[in-house]
């Protein structure tokens, strides 16, 4: 077994352990980290002129937003805030698609800034009532995947 394979295997076990022991609140924060990492990778690939890898990274960020963050929104407890967050995630997805189509670094920067702002607020409040009770089971696999594919 080469060193790279061993390091990847070790990292995957470590991430799966972190995800398994994480609270619903921490899982959402980890999704923000994964989306930000994917956007960071997209920026790097944009600078390198690697269109396919840029597209894959942007697609990964979109998947984290749509299949991870959006599914965790609790509309019953969140009311108008939850609706606004949903709309903001929709806007981010739109901007990421535009970033991919137009090789637009400013759109990537904009979405990264929005994600950082929301993550900062999320980490500050620590309020689990905005997360659906089923989030750990539904989101945990996405969190682990978000770190492995970004």
Protein backbone atom coordinates (compact mmCIF):
# COMPACT_ATOMS: atom_id res chain seq x y z
CA UNK A 1 0.00 0.00 0.00
CA UNK A 2 1.47 3.36 -0.96
CA UNK A 3 1.56 6.28 1.45
CA UNK A 4 -1.11 8.25 -0.39
CA UNK A 5 -3.64 5.42 -0.14
CA UNK A 6 -2.85 4.95 3.55
CA UNK A 7 -3.23 8.67 4.28
CA UNK A 8 -6.57 8.80 2.45
CA UNK A 9 -7.84 5.74 4.32
CA UNK A 10 -6.77 7.23 7.65
CA UNK A 11 -8.40 10.56 6.80
CA UNK A 12 -11.66 8.89 5.80
CA UNK A 13 -11.81 6.93 9.05
CA UNK A 14 -11.10 10.09 11.01
CA UNK A 15 -13.82 12.04 9.18
CA UNK A 16 -16.38 9.27 9.59
CA UNK A 17 -15.61 9.17 13.32
CA UNK A 18 -16.01 12.95 13.56
CA UNK A 19 -19.32 12.83 11.73
CA UNK A 20 -20.66 9.92 13.79
CA UNK A 21 -20.03 11.76 17.04
CA UNK A 22 -21.18 15.20 15.89
CA UNK A 23 -24.30 16.97 17.08
CA UNK A 24 -26.87 18.10 14.50
CA UNK A 25 -25.55 21.64 14.97
CA UNK A 26 -21.96 20.57 14.30
CA UNK A 27 -23.02 18.59 11.22
CA UNK A 28 -24.49 21.72 9.66
CA UNK A 29 -21.32 23.64 10.46
CA UNK A 30 -19.30 20.88 8.82
CA UNK A 31 -21.44 21.20 5.70
CA UNK A 32 -20.56 24.89 5.55
CA UNK A 33 -16.88 23.90 5.82
CA UNK A 34 -17.28 21.41 2.99
CA UNK A 35 -19.02 23.92 0.71
CA UNK A 36 -16.34 26.52 1.44
CA UNK A 37 -13.62 23.99 0.68
CA UNK A 38 -15.28 23.10 -2.63
CA UNK A 39 -15.49 26.79 -3.57
CA UNK A 40 -11.87 27.30 -2.60
CA UNK A 41 -10.91 24.40 -4.84
CA UNK A 42 -13.02 25.88 -7.66
CA UNK A 43 -11.11 29.17 -7.34
CA UNK A 44 -7.81 27.34 -7.53
CA UNK A 45 -8.92 25.43 -10.63
CA UNK A 46 -10.20 28.66 -12.17
CA UNK A 47 -6.76 30.22 -11.74
CA UNK A 48 -5.09 27.13 -13.21
CA UNK A 49 -7.45 27.06 -16.19
CA UNK A 50 -8.67 23.57 -15.30
CA UNK A 51 -12.25 23.85 -16.50
CA UNK A 52 -13.35 20.28 -15.75
CA UNK A 53 -12.02 20.31 -12.18
CA UNK A 54 -13.51 23.78 -11.61
CA UNK A 55 -16.89 22.48 -12.75
CA UNK A 56 -16.62 19.42 -10.52
CA UNK A 57 -15.78 21.56 -7.48
CA UNK A 58 -18.63 23.98 -8.17
CA UNK A 59 -21.02 21.08 -8.68
CA UNK A 60 -19.88 19.66 -5.37
CA UNK A 61 -20.55 22.97 -3.59
CA UNK A 62 -24.02 23.08 -5.16
CA UNK A 63 -24.72 19.52 -4.01
CA UNK A 64 -23.70 20.37 -0.45
CA UNK A 65 -26.03 23.38 -0.44
CA UNK A 66 -28.97 21.61 -2.09
CA UNK A 67 -28.64 18.11 -0.64
CA UNK A 68 -27.18 18.99 2.74
CA UNK A 69 -27.89 22.50 3.98
CA UNK A 70 -31.33 22.93 2.44
CA UNK A 71 -32.63 19.57 3.68
CA UNK A 72 -31.73 20.56 7.22
CA UNK A 73 -33.98 23.61 7.31
CA UNK A 74 -36.83 23.27 9.79
CA UNK A 75 -39.63 25.40 8.35
CA UNK A 76 -41.97 24.67 11.26
CA UNK A 77 -39.60 26.10 13.87
CA UNK A 78 -37.82 28.61 11.64
CA UNK A 79 -40.77 30.45 10.12
CA UNK A 80 -39.76 33.46 8.04
CA UNK A 81 -36.08 32.99 8.87
CA UNK A 82 -36.19 29.48 7.42
CA UNK A 83 -37.91 30.76 4.27
CA UNK A 84 -35.29 33.49 3.87
CA UNK A 85 -32.49 30.98 4.36
CA UNK A 86 -34.03 28.72 1.71
CA UNK A 87 -34.19 31.66 -0.71
CA UNK A 88 -30.58 32.56 0.05
CA UNK A 89 -29.46 28.99 -0.66
CA UNK A 90 -31.38 29.16 -3.97
CA UNK A 91 -29.56 32.40 -4.81
CA UNK A 92 -26.20 30.84 -3.94
CA UNK A 93 -26.92 27.91 -6.23
CA UNK A 94 -27.83 30.30 -9.04
CA UNK A 95 -24.61 32.29 -8.52
CA UNK A 96 -22.52 29.11 -8.49
CA UNK A 97 -24.05 28.02 -11.79
CA UNK A 98 -23.24 31.46 -13.19
CA UNK A 99 -19.70 31.21 -11.80
CA UNK A 100 -19.24 27.94 -13.64
CA UNK A 101 -20.73 29.10 -16.93
CA UNK A 102 -18.83 32.39 -17.01
CA UNK A 103 -15.65 31.43 -15.11
CA UNK A 104 -16.64 34.19 -12.68
CA UNK A 105 -14.36 34.45 -9.66
CA UNK A 106 -16.43 37.31 -8.19
CA UNK A 107 -19.48 35.03 -8.03
CA UNK A 108 -17.41 32.39 -6.23
CA UNK A 109 -16.16 35.04 -3.80
CA UNK A 110 -19.72 36.28 -3.23
CA UNK A 111 -21.06 32.82 -2.37
CA UNK A 112 -18.07 32.06 -0.15
CA UNK A 113 -18.69 35.32 1.72
CA UNK A 114 -22.37 34.51 2.18
CA UNK A 115 -21.57 31.02 3.43
CA UNK A 116 -18.99 32.38 5.89
CA UNK A 117 -21.48 34.93 7.21
CA UNK A 118 -24.21 32.32 7.70
CA UNK A 119 -21.77 29.85 9.25
CA UNK A 120 -20.55 32.51 11.67
CA UNK A 121 -24.12 33.27 12.73
CA UNK A 122 -24.91 29.55 12.95
CA UNK A 123 -21.91 28.86 15.13
CA UNK A 124 -22.73 31.85 17.34
CA UNK A 125 -26.34 30.92 18.06
CA UNK A 126 -25.99 27.20 18.62
CA UNK A 127 -29.76 26.87 18.21
CA UNK A 128 -30.82 23.36 17.24
CA UNK A 129 -34.48 24.29 16.84
CA UNK A 130 -33.80 25.43 13.27
CA UNK A 131 -32.56 21.96 12.33
CA UNK A 132 -34.98 19.15 11.60
CA UNK A 133 -34.78 16.37 14.20
CA UNK A 134 -33.92 13.87 11.46
CA UNK A 135 -30.87 15.84 10.32
CA UNK A 136 -28.18 13.59 11.85
CA UNK A 137 -29.38 10.54 9.93
CA UNK A 138 -30.07 12.42 6.70
CA UNK A 139 -27.05 14.73 6.63
CA UNK A 140 -24.20 12.75 8.20
CA UNK A 141 -23.34 10.81 5.01
CA UNK A 142 -23.35 14.07 3.04
CA UNK A 143 -21.00 15.68 5.56
CA UNK A 144 -18.51 12.85 5.26
CA UNK A 145 -18.78 12.94 1.47
CA UNK A 146 -18.33 16.70 1.37
CA UNK A 147 -14.83 16.40 2.75
CA UNK A 148 -13.82 13.52 0.55
CA UNK A 149 -14.81 15.01 -2.82
CA UNK A 150 -14.18 18.72 -2.60
